[in-house]
Amino acid sequence: SNGDIIVTVEESQGSVQNVMEARARGGDYVFTTPPVLVRLAQGGK
């Protein structure tokens, strides 16, 4: 991006934490997780 996009990598304790933090983070938040965990979160399972 020629420096137009700067990504800061943040350590995590795991995929579940990454999904949980989506509740409070803003539009600058990108996280990694297996899609199945997103499905479980959306279903409250």
All heavy atoms as atom14 arrays in JSON, in Angstrom:
{
  "sequence": "SNGDIIVTVEESQGSVQNVMEARARGGDYVFTTPPVLVRLAQGGK",
  "atom14_mask": [
    [1, 1, 1, 1, 1, 1, 0, 0, 0, 0, 0, 0, 0, 0],
    [1, 1, 1, 1, 1, 1, 1, 1, 0, 0, 0, 0, 0, 0],
    [1, 1, 1, 1, 0, 0, 0, 0, 0, 0, 0, 0, 0, 0],
    [1, 1, 1, 1, 1, 1, 1, 1, 0, 0, 0, 0, 0, 0],
    [1, 1, 1, 1, 1, 1, 1, 1, 0, 0, 0, 0, 0, 0],
    [1, 1, 1, 1, 1, 1, 1, 1, 0, 0, 0, 0, 0, 0],
    [1, 1, 1, 1, 1, 1, 1, 0, 0, 0, 0, 0, 0, 0],
    [1, 1, 1, 1, 1, 1, 1, 0, 0, 0, 0, 0, 0, 0],
    [1, 1, 1, 1, 1, 1, 1, 0, 0, 0, 0, 0, 0, 0],
    [1, 1, 1, 1, 1, 1, 1, 1, 1, 0, 0, 0, 0, 0],
    [1, 1, 1, 1, 1, 1, 1, 1, 1, 0, 0, 0, 0, 0],
    [1, 1, 1, 1, 1, 1, 0, 0, 0, 0, 0, 0, 0, 0],
    [1, 1, 1, 1, 1, 1, 1, 1, 1, 0, 0, 0, 0, 0],
    [1, 1, 1, 1, 0, 0, 0, 0, 0, 0, 0, 0, 0, 0],
    [1, 1, 1, 1, 1, 1, 0, 0, 0, 0, 0, 0, 0, 0],
    [1, 1, 1, 1, 1, 1, 1, 0, 0, 0, 0, 0, 0, 0],
    [1, 1, 1, 1, 1, 1, 1, 1, 1, 0, 0, 0, 0, 0],
    [1, 1, 1, 1, 1, 1, 1, 1, 0, 0, 0, 0, 0, 0],
    [1, 1, 1, 1, 1, 1, 1, 0, 0, 0, 0, 0, 0, 0],
    [1, 1, 1, 1, 1, 1, 1, 1, 0, 0, 0, 0, 0, 0],
    [1, 1, 1, 1, 1, 1, 1, 1, 1, 0, 0, 0, 0, 0],
    [1, 1, 1, 1, 1, 0, 0, 0, 0, 0, 0, 0, 0, 0],
    [1, 1, 1, 1, 1, 1, 1, 1, 1, 1, 1, 0, 0, 0],
    [1, 1, 1, 1, 1, 0, 0, 0, 0, 0, 0, 0, 0, 0],
    [1, 1, 1, 1, 1, 1, 1, 1, 1, 1, 1, 0, 0, 0],
    [1, 1, 1, 1, 0, 0, 0, 0, 0, 0, 0, 0, 0, 0],
    [1, 1, 1, 1, 0, 0, 0, 0, 0, 0, 0, 0, 0, 0],
    [1, 1, 1, 1, 1, 1, 1, 1, 0, 0, 0, 0, 0, 0],
    [1, 1, 1, 1, 1, 1, 1, 1, 1, 1, 1, 1, 0, 0],
    [1, 1, 1, 1, 1, 1, 1, 0, 0, 0, 0, 0, 0, 0],
    [1, 1, 1, 1, 1, 1, 1, 1, 1, 1, 1, 0, 0, 0],
    [1, 1, 1, 1, 1, 1, 1, 0, 0, 0, 0, 0, 0, 0],
    [1, 1, 1, 1, 1, 1, 1, 0, 0, 0, 0, 0, 0, 0],
    [1, 1, 1, 1, 1, 1, 1, 0, 0, 0, 0, 0, 0, 0],
    [1, 1, 1, 1, 1, 1, 1, 0, 0, 0, 0, 0, 0, 0],
    [1, 1, 1, 1, 1, 1, 1, 0, 0, 0, 0, 0, 0, 0],
    [1, 1, 1, 1, 1, 1, 1, 1, 0, 0, 0, 0, 0, 0],
    [1, 1, 1, 1, 1, 1, 1, 0, 0, 0, 0, 0, 0, 0],
    [1, 1, 1, 1, 1, 1, 1, 1, 1, 1, 1, 0, 0, 0],
    [1, 1, 1, 1, 1, 1, 1, 1, 0, 0, 0, 0, 0, 0],
    [1, 1, 1, 1, 1, 0, 0, 0, 0, 0, 0, 0, 0, 0],
    [1, 1, 1, 1, 1, 1, 1, 1, 1, 0, 0, 0, 0, 0],
    [1, 1, 1, 1, 0, 0, 0, 0, 0, 0, 0, 0, 0, 0],
    [1, 1, 1, 1, 0, 0, 0, 0, 0, 0, 0, 0, 0, 0],
    [1, 1, 1, 1, 1, 1, 1, 1, 1, 0, 0, 0, 0, 0]
  ],
  "atom14_positions": [
    [[0.82, -1.22, 0.0], [0.0, 0.0, 0.0], [0.85, 1.26, 0.0], [0.32, 2.37, 0.17], [-0.91, 0.01, 1.23], [-0.15, 0.16, 2.42], [0.0, 0.0, 0.0], [0.0, 0.0, 0.0], [0.0, 0.0, 0.0], [0.0, 0.0, 0.0], [0.0, 0.0, 0.0], [0.0, 0.0, 0.0], [0.0, 0.0, 0.0], [0.0, 0.0, 0.0]],
    [[2.17, 1.1, -0.16], [3.09, 2.24, -0.11], [2.99, 3.01, 1.2], [3.09, 4.24, 1.23], [2.85, 3.18, -1.3], [3.18, 2.52, -2.63], [4.21, 1.86, -2.76], [2.3, 2.69, -3.6], [0.0, 0.0, 0.0], [0.0, 0.0, 0.0], [0.0, 0.0, 0.0], [0.0, 0.0, 0.0], [0.0, 0.0, 0.0], [0.0, 0.0, 0.0]],
    [[2.75, 2.26, 2.27], [2.69, 2.87, 3.59], [1.37, 3.51, 3.94], [1.23, 4.1, 5.01], [0.0, 0.0, 0.0], [0.0, 0.0, 0.0], [0.0, 0.0, 0.0], [0.0, 0.0, 0.0], [0.0, 0.0, 0.0], [0.0, 0.0, 0.0], [0.0, 0.0, 0.0], [0.0, 0.0, 0.0], [0.0, 0.0, 0.0], [0.0, 0.0, 0.0]],
    [[0.37, 3.38, 3.06], [-0.94, 3.98, 3.34], [-1.72, 3.18, 4.39], [-2.58, 3.73, 5.07], [-1.77, 4.08, 2.05], [-1.23, 5.13, 1.1], [-0.5, 6.03, 1.57], [-1.53, 5.05, -0.1], [0.0, 0.0, 0.0], [0.0, 0.0, 0.0], [0.0, 0.0, 0.0], [0.0, 0.0, 0.0], [0.0, 0.0, 0.0], [0.0, 0.0, 0.0]],
    [[-1.42, 1.88, 4.49], [-2.06, 1.06, 5.51], [-0.97, 0.5, 6.43], [-0.06, -0.18, 5.98], [-2.85, -0.11, 4.89], [-3.89, 0.4, 3.89], [-3.54, -0.92, 5.98], [-4.64, -0.71, 3.17], [0.0, 0.0, 0.0], [0.0, 0.0, 0.0], [0.0, 0.0, 0.0], [0.0, 0.0, 0.0], [0.0, 0.0, 0.0], [0.0, 0.0, 0.0]],
    [[-1.08, 0.82, 7.7], [-0.12, 0.35, 8.7], [-0.82, -0.65, 9.62], [-1.84, -0.33, 10.23], [0.45, 1.51, 9.54], [1.14, 2.53, 8.62], [1.41, 0.98, 10.61], [2.33, 2.0, 7.85], [0.0, 0.0, 0.0], [0.0, 0.0, 0.0], [0.0, 0.0, 0.0], [0.0, 0.0, 0.0], [0.0, 0.0, 0.0], [0.0, 0.0, 0.0]],
    [[-0.29, -1.86, 9.67], [-0.89, -2.93, 10.49], [-0.02, -3.17, 11.72], [1.18, -3.41, 11.6], [-1.02, -4.23, 9.67], [-1.58, -5.35, 10.55], [-1.92, -4.01, 8.46], [0.0, 0.0, 0.0], [0.0, 0.0, 0.0], [0.0, 0.0, 0.0], [0.0, 0.0, 0.0], [0.0, 0.0, 0.0], [0.0, 0.0, 0.0], [0.0, 0.0, 0.0]],
    [[-0.64, -3.11, 12.88], [0.04, -3.44, 14.12], [-0.44, -4.81, 14.59], [-1.65, -5.03, 14.74], [-0.27, -2.4, 15.22], [0.17, -1.1, 14.76], [0.44, -2.74, 16.52], [0.0, 0.0, 0.0], [0.0, 0.0, 0.0], [0.0, 0.0, 0.0], [0.0, 0.0, 0.0], [0.0, 0.0, 0.0], [0.0, 0.0, 0.0], [0.0, 0.0, 0.0]],
    [[0.49, -5.73, 14.81], [0.14, -7.09, 15.22], [0.04, -7.15, 16.75], [0.93, -6.68, 17.46], [1.18, -8.11, 14.73], [0.78, -9.53, 15.12], [1.34, -8.01, 13.21], [0.0, 0.0, 0.0], [0.0, 0.0, 0.0], [0.0, 0.0, 0.0], [0.0, 0.0, 0.0], [0.0, 0.0, 0.0], [0.0, 0.0, 0.0], [0.0, 0.0, 0.0]],
    [[-1.05, -7.7, 17.21], [-1.32, -7.77, 18.65], [-1.38, -9.23, 19.08], [-2.05, -10.05, 18.45], [-2.66, -7.08, 18.93], [-2.93, -6.82, 20.4], [-4.2, -5.98, 20.58], [-4.17, -4.78, 20.24], [-5.22, -6.55, 21.04], [0.0, 0.0, 0.0], [0.0, 0.0, 0.0], [0.0, 0.0, 0.0], [0.0, 0.0, 0.0], [0.0, 0.0, 0.0]],
    [[-0.67, -9.55, 20.14], [-0.66, -10.93, 20.64], [-2.02, -11.3, 21.22], [-2.75, -10.46, 21.74], [0.41, -11.1, 21.72], [0.57, -12.54, 22.2], [1.69, -12.71, 23.21], [2.16, -11.69, 23.75], [2.07, -13.86, 23.46], [0.0, 0.0, 0.0], [0.0, 0.0, 0.0], [0.0, 0.0, 0.0], [0.0, 0.0, 0.0], [0.0, 0.0, 0.0]],
    [[-2.35, -12.58, 21.1], [-3.63, -13.08, 21.6], [-3.41, -14.38, 22.34], [-2.43, -15.09, 22.11], [-4.59, -13.3, 20.42], [-5.63, -14.18, 20.77], [0.0, 0.0, 0.0], [0.0, 0.0, 0.0], [0.0, 0.0, 0.0], [0.0, 0.0, 0.0], [0.0, 0.0, 0.0], [0.0, 0.0, 0.0], [0.0, 0.0, 0.0], [0.0, 0.0, 0.0]],
    [[-4.35, -14.72, 23.2], [-4.3, -16.0, 23.9], [-5.07, -17.09, 23.16], [-5.12, -18.23, 23.6], [-4.85, -15.84, 25.32], [-3.99, -14.94, 26.19], [-2.53, -15.36, 26.22], [-2.21, -16.49, 26.54], [-1.64, -14.44, 25.88], [0.0, 0.0, 0.0], [0.0, 0.0, 0.0], [0.0, 0.0, 0.0], [0.0, 0.0, 0.0], [0.0, 0.0, 0.0]],
    [[-5.69, -16.72, 22.03], [-6.39, -17.73, 21.26], [-7.57, -17.2, 20.49], [-7.98, -16.04, 20.64], [0.0, 0.0, 0.0], [0.0, 0.0, 0.0], [0.0, 0.0, 0.0], [0.0, 0.0, 0.0], [0.0, 0.0, 0.0], [0.0, 0.0, 0.0], [0.0, 0.0, 0.0], [0.0, 0.0, 0.0], [0.0, 0.0, 0.0], [0.0, 0.0, 0.0]],
    [[-8.12, -18.06, 19.65], [-9.18, -17.67, 18.72], [-10.47, -17.24, 19.42], [-11.18, -16.36, 18.94], [-9.48, -18.82, 17.76], [-8.36, -19.09, 16.95], [0.0, 0.0, 0.0], [0.0, 0.0, 0.0], [0.0, 0.0, 0.0], [0.0, 0.0, 0.0], [0.0, 0.0, 0.0], [0.0, 0.0, 0.0], [0.0, 0.0, 0.0], [0.0, 0.0, 0.0]],
    [[-10.79, -17.89, 20.54], [-12.02, -17.53, 21.26], [-11.93, -16.09, 21.75], [-12.87, -15.31, 21.62], [-12.28, -18.5, 22.44], [-13.47, -18.02, 23.27], [-12.53, -19.92, 21.92], [0.0, 0.0, 0.0], [0.0, 0.0, 0.0], [0.0, 0.0, 0.0], [0.0, 0.0, 0.0], [0.0, 0.0, 0.0], [0.0, 0.0, 0.0], [0.0, 0.0, 0.0]],
    [[-10.78, -15.73, 22.32], [-10.57, -14.35, 22.78], [-10.72, -13.37, 21.61], [-11.34, -12.31, 21.76], [-9.18, -14.19, 23.4], [-8.9, -12.76, 23.88], [-7.43, -12.51, 24.21], [-6.61, -13.4, 24.16], [-7.11, -11.27, 24.53], [0.0, 0.0, 0.0], [0.0, 0.0, 0.0], [0.0, 0.0, 0.0], [0.0, 0.0, 0.0], [0.0, 0.0, 0.0]],
    [[-10.16, -13.74, 20.46], [-10.24, -12.86, 19.29], [-11.69, -12.55, 18.91], [-12.04, -11.41, 18.61], [-9.54, -13.51, 18.1], [-8.03, -13.65, 18.3], [-7.49, -13.19, 19.29], [-7.39, -14.31, 17.36], [0.0, 0.0, 0.0], [0.0, 0.0, 0.0], [0.0, 0.0, 0.0], [0.0, 0.0, 0.0], [0.0, 0.0, 0.0], [0.0, 0.0, 0.0]],
    [[-12.52, -13.6, 18.93], [-13.93, -13.42, 18.59], [-14.63, -12.58, 19.65], [-15.4, -11.67, 19.33], [-14.64, -14.79, 18.44], [-16.13, -14.59, 18.17], [-14.01, -15.59, 17.31], [0.0, 0.0, 0.0], [0.0, 0.0, 0.0], [0.0, 0.0, 0.0], [0.0, 0.0, 0.0], [0.0, 0.0, 0.0], [0.0, 0.0, 0.0], [0.0, 0.0, 0.0]],
    [[-14.38, -12.87, 20.91], [-15.02, -12.14, 22.0], [-14.74, -10.64, 21.92], [-15.62, -9.82, 22.18], [-14.56, -12.68, 23.36], [-15.04, -14.1, 23.67], [-16.83, -14.24, 23.86], [-17.06, -13.41, 25.44], [0.0, 0.0, 0.0], [0.0, 0.0, 0.0], [0.0, 0.0, 0.0], [0.0, 0.0, 0.0], [0.0, 0.0, 0.0], [0.0, 0.0, 0.0]],
    [[-13.52, -10.29, 21.52], [-13.16, -8.87, 21.48], [-13.84, -8.11, 20.35], [-13.84, -6.87, 20.35], [-11.63, -8.72, 21.41], [-10.94, -9.12, 22.71], [-9.51, -8.63, 22.79], [-9.12, -7.75, 22.0], [-8.79, -9.12, 23.67], [0.0, 0.0, 0.0], [0.0, 0.0, 0.0], [0.0, 0.0, 0.0], [0.0, 0.0, 0.0], [0.0, 0.0, 0.0]],
    [[-14.41, -8.84, 19.4], [-15.14, -8.18, 18.31], [-16.33, -7.39, 18.84], [-16.83, -6.48, 18.18], [-15.61, -9.21, 17.29], [0.0, 0.0, 0.0], [0.0, 0.0, 0.0], [0.0, 0.0, 0.0], [0.0, 0.0, 0.0], [0.0, 0.0, 0.0], [0.0, 0.0, 0.0], [0.0, 0.0, 0.0], [0.0, 0.0, 0.0], [0.0, 0.0, 0.0]],
    [[-16.78, -7.71, 20.07], [-17.93, -7.01, 20.66], [-17.6, -5.55, 20.97], [-18.49, -4.69, 20.93], [-18.37, -7.71, 21.94], [-18.82, -9.15, 21.77], [-19.18, -9.8, 23.08], [-18.05, -9.8, 24.01], [-18.1, -10.25, 25.26], [-19.23, -10.72, 25.75], [-17.02, -10.24, 26.02], [0.0, 0.0, 0.0], [0.0, 0.0, 0.0], [0.0, 0.0, 0.0]],
    [[-16.34, -5.29, 21.31], [-15.99, -3.96, 21.8], [-15.04, -3.18, 20.9], [-14.84, -1.99, 21.09], [-15.36, -4.08, 23.19], [0.0, 0.0, 0.0], [0.0, 0.0, 0.0], [0.0, 0.0, 0.0], [0.0, 0.0, 0.0], [0.0, 0.0, 0.0], [0.0, 0.0, 0.0], [0.0, 0.0, 0.0], [0.0, 0.0, 0.0], [0.0, 0.0, 0.0]],
    [[-14.46, -3.84, 19.91], [-13.48, -3.17, 19.05], [-14.17, -2.36, 17.96], [-15.33, -2.56, 17.64], [-12.56, -4.22, 18.41], [-11.7, -4.99, 19.39], [-10.6, -4.13, 20.0], [-9.64, -4.94, 20.73], [-8.34, -5.01, 20.45], [-7.84, -4.27, 19.46], [-7.55, -5.77, 21.16], [0.0, 0.0, 0.0], [0.0, 0.0, 0.0], [0.0, 0.0, 0.0]],
    [[-13.37, -1.47, 17.36], [-13.91, -0.58, 16.32], [-13.61, -1.06, 14.92], [-13.29, -2.24, 14.69], [0.0, 0.0, 0.0], [0.0, 0.0, 0.0], [0.0, 0.0, 0.0], [0.0, 0.0, 0.0], [0.0, 0.0, 0.0], [0.0, 0.0, 0.0], [0.0, 0.0, 0.0], [0.0, 0.0, 0.0], [0.0, 0.0, 0.0], [0.0, 0.0, 0.0]],
    [[-13.67, -0.14, 13.98], [-13.51, -0.47, 12.58], [-12.09, -0.76, 12.15], [-11.85, -1.09, 10.99], [0.0, 0.0, 0.0], [0.0, 0.0, 0.0], [0.0, 0.0, 0.0], [0.0, 0.0, 0.0], [0.0, 0.0, 0.0], [0.0, 0.0, 0.0], [0.0, 0.0, 0.0], [0.0, 0.0, 0.0], [0.0, 0.0, 0.0], [0.0, 0.0, 0.0]],
    [[-11.14, -0.64, 13.07], [-9.74, -0.92, 12.74], [-9.32, -2.32, 13.18], [-8.15, -2.68, 13.12], [-8.82, 0.1, 13.41], [-8.91, 0.05, 14.94], [-9.88, -0.52, 15.47], [-7.98, 0.57, 15.6], [0.0, 0.0, 0.0], [0.0, 0.0, 0.0], [0.0, 0.0, 0.0], [0.0, 0.0, 0.0], [0.0, 0.0, 0.0], [0.0, 0.0, 0.0]],
    [[-10.28, -3.14, 13.61], [-9.97, -4.44, 14.2], [-10.07, -5.56, 13.18], [-11.11, -5.78, 12.56], [-10.94, -4.71, 15.36], [-10.69, -5.99, 16.13], [-9.44, -6.28, 16.68], [-11.71, -6.92, 16.32], [-9.22, -7.44, 17.41], [-11.51, -8.09, 17.06], [-10.26, -8.34, 17.6], [-10.05, -9.49, 18.32], [0.0, 0.0, 0.0], [0.0, 0.0, 0.0]],
    [[-8.95, -6.29, 13.02], [-8.91, -7.5, 12.2], [-8.42, -8.62, 13.1], [-7.5, -8.43, 13.9], [-7.97, -7.34, 10.99], [-7.82, -8.66, 10.23], [-8.49, -6.25, 10.05], [0.0, 0.0, 0.0], [0.0, 0.0, 0.0], [0.0, 0.0, 0.0], [0.0, 0.0, 0.0], [0.0, 0.0, 0.0], [0.0, 0.0, 0.0], [0.0, 0.0, 0.0]],
    [[-9.02, -9.79, 13.0], [-8.61, -10.91, 13.85], [-8.7, -12.22, 13.08], [-9.4, -12.31, 12.07], [-9.48, -10.97, 15.11], [-10.93, -11.26, 14.85], [-11.45, -12.55, 14.96], [-11.81, -10.23, 14.5], [-12.8, -12.8, 14.72], [-13.16, -10.49, 14.27], [-13.66, -11.77, 14.37], [0.0, 0.0, 0.0], [0.0, 0.0, 0.0], [0.0, 0.0, 0.0]],
    [[-7.99, -13.22, 13.57], [-8.02, -14.52, 12.92], [-8.71, -15.54, 13.82], [-8.56, -15.52, 15.03], [-6.6, -15.02, 12.59], [-5.86, -15.2, 13.81], [-5.88, -14.02, 11.72], [0.0, 0.0, 0.0], [0.0, 0.0, 0.0], [0.0, 0.0, 0.0], [0.0, 0.0, 0.0], [0.0, 0.0, 0.0], [0.0, 0.0, 0.0], [0.0, 0.0, 0.0]],
    [[-9.45, -16.44, 13.17], [-10.15, -17.5, 13.9], [-10.7, -18.51, 12.89], [-10.92, -18.15, 11.73], [-11.3, -16.93, 14.76], [-11.77, -17.92, 15.67], [-12.44, -16.46, 13.91], [0.0, 0.0, 0.0], [0.0, 0.0, 0.0], [0.0, 0.0, 0.0], [0.0, 0.0, 0.0], [0.0, 0.0, 0.0], [0.0, 0.0, 0.0], [0.0, 0.0, 0.0]],
    [[-10.93, -19.74, 13.3], [-11.64, -20.67, 12.41], [-13.09, -20.2, 12.22], [-13.73, -19.75, 13.18], [-11.61, -21.99, 13.19], [-10.45, -21.86, 14.13], [-10.43, -20.42, 14.51], [0.0, 0.0, 0.0], [0.0, 0.0, 0.0], [0.0, 0.0, 0.0], [0.0, 0.0, 0.0], [0.0, 0.0, 0.0], [0.0, 0.0, 0.0], [0.0, 0.0, 0.0]],
    [[-13.63, -20.27, 11.01], [-15.02, -19.84, 10.77], [-16.04, -20.51, 11.68], [-17.06, -19.91, 12.01], [-15.24, -20.21, 9.3], [-13.89, -20.17, 8.68], [-12.95, -20.65, 9.75], [0.0, 0.0, 0.0], [0.0, 0.0, 0.0], [0.0, 0.0, 0.0], [0.0, 0.0, 0.0], [0.0, 0.0, 0.0], [0.0, 0.0, 0.0], [0.0, 0.0, 0.0]],
    [[-15.76, -21.74, 12.1], [-16.71, -22.45, 12.96], [-16.94, -21.72, 14.27], [-18.04, -21.73, 14.82], [-16.24, -23.91, 13.21], [-14.94, -23.95, 14.01], [-17.32, -24.71, 13.93], [0.0, 0.0, 0.0], [0.0, 0.0, 0.0], [0.0, 0.0, 0.0], [0.0, 0.0, 0.0], [0.0, 0.0, 0.0], [0.0, 0.0, 0.0], [0.0, 0.0, 0.0]],
    [[-15.9, -21.02, 14.78], [-16.07, -20.29, 16.04], [-16.97, -19.08, 15.86], [-17.71, -18.71, 16.77], [-14.71, -19.86, 16.6], [-13.83, -20.96, 17.19], [-12.63, -20.34, 17.92], [-14.6, -21.86, 18.14], [0.0, 0.0, 0.0], [0.0, 0.0, 0.0], [0.0, 0.0, 0.0], [0.0, 0.0, 0.0], [0.0, 0.0, 0.0], [0.0, 0.0, 0.0]],
    [[-16.9, -18.44, 14.71], [-17.8, -17.31, 14.43], [-19.24, -17.82, 14.39], [-20.14, -17.18, 14.95], [-17.43, -16.64, 13.08], [-18.47, -15.58, 12.72], [-16.05, -16.01, 13.17], [0.0, 0.0, 0.0], [0.0, 0.0, 0.0], [0.0, 0.0, 0.0], [0.0, 0.0, 0.0], [0.0, 0.0, 0.0], [0.0, 0.0, 0.0], [0.0, 0.0, 0.0]],
    [[-19.44, -18.97, 13.77], [-20.78, -19.55, 13.7], [-21.3, -19.89, 15.11], [-22.47, -19.64, 15.43], [-20.76, -20.81, 12.83], [-22.15, -21.32, 12.45], [-22.11, -22.27, 11.28], [-21.43, -23.52, 11.59], [-20.28, -23.9, 11.06], [-19.67, -23.12, 10.18], [-19.72, -25.05, 11.36], [0.0, 0.0, 0.0], [0.0, 0.0, 0.0], [0.0, 0.0, 0.0]],
    [[-20.45, -20.44, 15.95], [-20.85, -20.76, 17.33], [-21.17, -19.5, 18.12], [-22.13, -19.46, 18.9], [-19.73, -21.55, 18.03], [-19.51, -22.99, 17.54], [-18.27, -23.58, 18.21], [-20.72, -23.86, 17.82], [0.0, 0.0, 0.0], [0.0, 0.0, 0.0], [0.0, 0.0, 0.0], [0.0, 0.0, 0.0], [0.0, 0.0, 0.0], [0.0, 0.0, 0.0]],
    [[-20.36, -18.44, 17.92], [-20.6, -17.18, 18.63], [-21.94, -16.58, 18.22], [-22.71, -16.1, 19.06], [-19.46, -16.19, 18.34], [0.0, 0.0, 0.0], [0.0, 0.0, 0.0], [0.0, 0.0, 0.0], [0.0, 0.0, 0.0], [0.0, 0.0, 0.0], [0.0, 0.0, 0.0], [0.0, 0.0, 0.0], [0.0, 0.0, 0.0], [0.0, 0.0, 0.0]],
    [[-22.21, -16.61, 16.92], [-23.47, -16.03, 16.42], [-24.68, -16.83, 16.88], [-25.77, -16.29, 17.0], [-23.4, -15.94, 14.9], [-22.4, -14.89, 14.42], [-22.17, -14.9, 12.92], [-22.48, -15.87, 12.23], [-21.61, -13.81, 12.41], [0.0, 0.0, 0.0], [0.0, 0.0, 0.0], [0.0, 0.0, 0.0], [0.0, 0.0, 0.0], [0.0, 0.0, 0.0]],
    [[-24.45, -18.12, 17.19], [-25.55, -18.95, 17.67], [-25.59, -19.06, 19.18], [-26.5, -19.7, 19.74], [0.0, 0.0, 0.0], [0.0, 0.0, 0.0], [0.0, 0.0, 0.0], [0.0, 0.0, 0.0], [0.0, 0.0, 0.0], [0.0, 0.0, 0.0], [0.0, 0.0, 0.0], [0.0, 0.0, 0.0], [0.0, 0.0, 0.0], [0.0, 0.0, 0.0]],
    [[-24.61, -18.44, 19.88], [-24.55, -18.52, 21.34], [-24.36, -19.94, 21.85], [-24.91, -20.32, 22.88], [0.0, 0.0, 0.0], [0.0, 0.0, 0.0], [0.0, 0.0, 0.0], [0.0, 0.0, 0.0], [0.0, 0.0, 0.0], [0.0, 0.0, 0.0], [0.0, 0.0, 0.0], [0.0, 0.0, 0.0], [0.0, 0.0, 0.0], [0.0, 0.0, 0.0]],
    [[-23.55, -20.72, 21.14], [-23.38, -22.13, 21.48], [-21.97, -22.42, 22.0], [-21.07, -21.62, 21.86], [-23.66, -23.01, 20.25], [-25.09, -22.9, 19.72], [-25.27, -23.74, 18.47], [-26.7, -23.64, 17.94], [-26.88, -24.41, 16.68], [0.0, 0.0, 0.0], [0.0, 0.0, 0.0], [0.0, 0.0, 0.0], [0.0, 0.0, 0.0], [0.0, 0.0, 0.0]]
  ]
}
